[in-house]
Amino acid sequence: DFERLKSLAPEVVHDLPANGTRLIQHAEGYVATLVSGQVIMKNGIDTGARPGSVVRLSQKKG
């Protein structure tokens, strides 16, 4: 239901080492978010599941 989807205002959080800052932006209207086939967010609530891994850029050239 695209009419229920909306982005909330971005906010600055200080949760990185050495009190580093980052910008986050939440959304509403999603029933669930899946990563590697597991639900990580359901109805806006974090399930605590942490499947998958960080994807990093390749350092290969050429």
N, C-alpha and C. Protein backbone atom coordinates (compact mmCIF):
# COMPACT_ATOMS: atom_id res chain seq x y z
N ASP A 1 0.84 -1.18 0.00
CA ASP A 1 0.00 0.00 0.00
C ASP A 1 0.89 1.24 0.00
N PHE A 2 1.19 1.77 -1.17
CA PHE A 2 2.12 2.89 -1.31
C PHE A 2 1.64 4.16 -0.60
N GLU A 3 0.35 4.31 -0.43
CA GLU A 3 -0.17 5.52 0.22
C GLU A 3 0.17 5.58 1.70
N ARG A 4 0.48 4.45 2.31
CA ARG A 4 0.82 4.42 3.74
C ARG A 4 2.32 4.60 3.99
N LEU A 5 3.14 4.50 2.93
CA LEU A 5 4.58 4.64 3.09
C LEU A 5 4.97 6.10 3.21
N LYS A 6 5.82 6.41 4.18
CA LYS A 6 6.35 7.77 4.28
C LYS A 6 7.68 7.77 5.01
N SER A 7 8.54 8.68 4.60
CA SER A 7 9.84 8.87 5.25
C SER A 7 9.68 9.90 6.35
N LEU A 8 10.27 9.63 7.49
CA LEU A 8 10.25 10.59 8.59
C LEU A 8 11.44 11.53 8.45
N ALA A 9 11.44 12.59 9.21
CA ALA A 9 12.52 13.58 9.14
C ALA A 9 13.85 12.95 9.55
N PRO A 10 14.93 13.27 8.84
CA PRO A 10 16.25 12.77 9.24
C PRO A 10 16.63 13.32 10.61
N GLU A 11 17.43 12.55 11.34
CA GLU A 11 17.92 13.02 12.63
C GLU A 11 19.39 12.64 12.81
N VAL A 12 20.10 13.44 13.57
CA VAL A 12 21.51 13.19 13.85
C VAL A 12 21.59 12.40 15.15
N VAL A 13 22.36 11.31 15.14
CA VAL A 13 22.59 10.53 16.36
C VAL A 13 24.09 10.48 16.63
N HIS A 14 24.43 10.38 17.89
CA HIS A 14 25.84 10.34 18.33
C HIS A 14 26.09 8.98 18.98
N ASP A 15 26.12 7.93 18.17
CA ASP A 15 26.26 6.59 18.73
C ASP A 15 27.47 5.84 18.18
N LEU A 16 28.39 6.55 17.58
CA LEU A 16 29.61 5.93 17.07
C LEU A 16 30.73 6.11 18.08
N PRO A 17 31.80 5.34 17.95
CA PRO A 17 32.94 5.53 18.85
C PRO A 17 33.41 6.99 18.85
N ALA A 18 33.94 7.44 19.97
CA ALA A 18 34.42 8.82 20.15
C ALA A 18 33.29 9.82 19.92
N ASN A 19 32.06 9.41 20.21
CA ASN A 19 30.88 10.27 20.08
C ASN A 19 30.68 10.75 18.64
N GLY A 20 31.10 9.94 17.68
CA GLY A 20 30.93 10.30 16.27
C GLY A 20 29.46 10.41 15.90
N THR A 21 29.18 11.21 14.91
CA THR A 21 27.79 11.44 14.50
C THR A 21 27.48 10.74 13.19
N ARG A 22 26.21 10.45 13.03
CA ARG A 22 25.71 9.93 11.76
C ARG A 22 24.27 10.37 11.60
N LEU A 23 23.81 10.39 10.37
CA LEU A 23 22.45 10.79 10.06
C LEU A 23 21.62 9.53 9.83
N ILE A 24 20.45 9.45 10.47
CA ILE A 24 19.55 8.32 10.25
C ILE A 24 18.18 8.85 9.81
N GLN A 25 17.43 8.00 9.14
CA GLN A 25 16.09 8.39 8.71
C GLN A 25 15.20 7.15 8.75
N HIS A 26 14.16 7.21 9.55
CA HIS A 26 13.22 6.10 9.67
C HIS A 26 12.09 6.27 8.68
N ALA A 27 11.30 5.23 8.51
CA ALA A 27 10.14 5.27 7.62
C ALA A 27 8.97 4.59 8.31
N GLU A 28 7.77 4.91 7.86
CA GLU A 28 6.55 4.28 8.37
C GLU A 28 5.80 3.64 7.22
N GLY A 29 4.98 2.66 7.55
CA GLY A 29 4.14 2.03 6.55
C GLY A 29 4.62 0.68 6.07
N TYR A 30 5.81 0.27 6.48
CA TYR A 30 6.34 -1.04 6.12
C TYR A 30 5.85 -2.06 7.13
N VAL A 31 5.42 -3.23 6.67
CA VAL A 31 5.01 -4.30 7.57
C VAL A 31 6.24 -5.00 8.10
N ALA A 32 7.22 -5.27 7.23
CA ALA A 32 8.42 -5.99 7.66
C ALA A 32 9.59 -5.65 6.75
N THR A 33 10.79 -5.78 7.31
CA THR A 33 12.03 -5.66 6.56
C THR A 33 12.78 -6.97 6.73
N LEU A 34 13.20 -7.57 5.62
CA LEU A 34 13.90 -8.85 5.66
C LEU A 34 15.34 -8.70 5.18
N VAL A 35 16.25 -9.42 5.83
CA VAL A 35 17.65 -9.52 5.42
C VAL A 35 18.00 -10.99 5.43
N SER A 36 18.52 -11.50 4.34
CA SER A 36 18.87 -12.92 4.21
C SER A 36 17.71 -13.82 4.62
N GLY A 37 16.49 -13.42 4.28
CA GLY A 37 15.32 -14.24 4.55
C GLY A 37 14.79 -14.18 5.97
N GLN A 38 15.40 -13.36 6.84
CA GLN A 38 14.94 -13.23 8.23
C GLN A 38 14.36 -11.85 8.46
N VAL A 39 13.29 -11.79 9.26
CA VAL A 39 12.66 -10.51 9.58
C VAL A 39 13.52 -9.78 10.60
N ILE A 40 13.96 -8.55 10.26
CA ILE A 40 14.75 -7.77 11.21
C ILE A 40 13.94 -6.63 11.83
N MET A 41 12.88 -6.20 11.13
CA MET A 41 11.95 -5.19 11.65
C MET A 41 10.54 -5.65 11.31
N LYS A 42 9.64 -5.60 12.29
CA LYS A 42 8.25 -5.96 12.05
C LYS A 42 7.36 -4.90 12.68
N ASN A 43 6.54 -4.25 11.85
CA ASN A 43 5.65 -3.17 12.30
C ASN A 43 6.42 -2.09 13.06
N GLY A 44 7.63 -1.77 12.57
CA GLY A 44 8.43 -0.70 13.16
C GLY A 44 9.21 -1.10 14.40
N ILE A 45 9.18 -2.38 14.76
CA ILE A 45 9.89 -2.84 15.96
C ILE A 45 11.04 -3.74 15.56
N ASP A 46 12.23 -3.46 16.09
CA ASP A 46 13.43 -4.24 15.83
C ASP A 46 13.27 -5.62 16.46
N THR A 47 13.47 -6.69 15.67
CA THR A 47 13.32 -8.05 16.20
C THR A 47 14.59 -8.55 16.89
N GLY A 48 15.71 -7.85 16.70
CA GLY A 48 16.97 -8.29 17.28
C GLY A 48 17.76 -9.22 16.38
N ALA A 49 17.16 -9.68 15.30
CA ALA A 49 17.86 -10.57 14.36
C ALA A 49 18.93 -9.77 13.62
N ARG A 50 20.10 -10.37 13.44
CA ARG A 50 21.21 -9.72 12.74
C ARG A 50 21.84 -10.65 11.71
N PRO A 51 21.05 -11.11 10.72
CA PRO A 51 21.61 -11.98 9.69
C PRO A 51 22.45 -11.17 8.70
N GLY A 52 23.13 -11.88 7.84
CA GLY A 52 23.89 -11.21 6.79
C GLY A 52 25.21 -10.68 7.27
N SER A 53 25.85 -9.88 6.44
CA SER A 53 27.14 -9.30 6.78
C SER A 53 27.29 -7.97 6.05
N VAL A 54 28.29 -7.22 6.44
CA VAL A 54 28.55 -5.92 5.82
C VAL A 54 29.12 -6.16 4.43
N VAL A 55 28.63 -5.42 3.45
CA VAL A 55 29.15 -5.51 2.09
C VAL A 55 30.14 -4.37 1.91
N ARG A 56 31.35 -4.72 1.57
CA ARG A 56 32.40 -3.72 1.40
C ARG A 56 32.82 -3.64 -0.07
N LEU A 57 33.29 -2.47 -0.47
CA LEU A 57 33.78 -2.28 -1.82
C LEU A 57 35.06 -3.08 -2.02
N SER A 58 35.20 -3.63 -3.18
CA SER A 58 36.41 -4.37 -3.51
C SER A 58 37.57 -3.39 -3.67
N GLN A 59 38.74 -3.80 -3.22
CA GLN A 59 39.94 -2.97 -3.37
C GLN A 59 40.69 -3.29 -4.66
N LYS A 60 40.17 -4.24 -5.43
CA LYS A 60 40.81 -4.61 -6.70
C LYS A 60 40.69 -3.48 -7.70
N LYS A 61 41.72 -3.30 -8.50
CA LYS A 61 41.69 -2.30 -9.56
C LYS A 61 41.92 -3.02 -10.88
N GLY A 62 41.21 -2.54 -11.90
CA GLY A 62 41.42 -3.11 -13.22
C GLY A 62 40.39 -4.00 -13.67
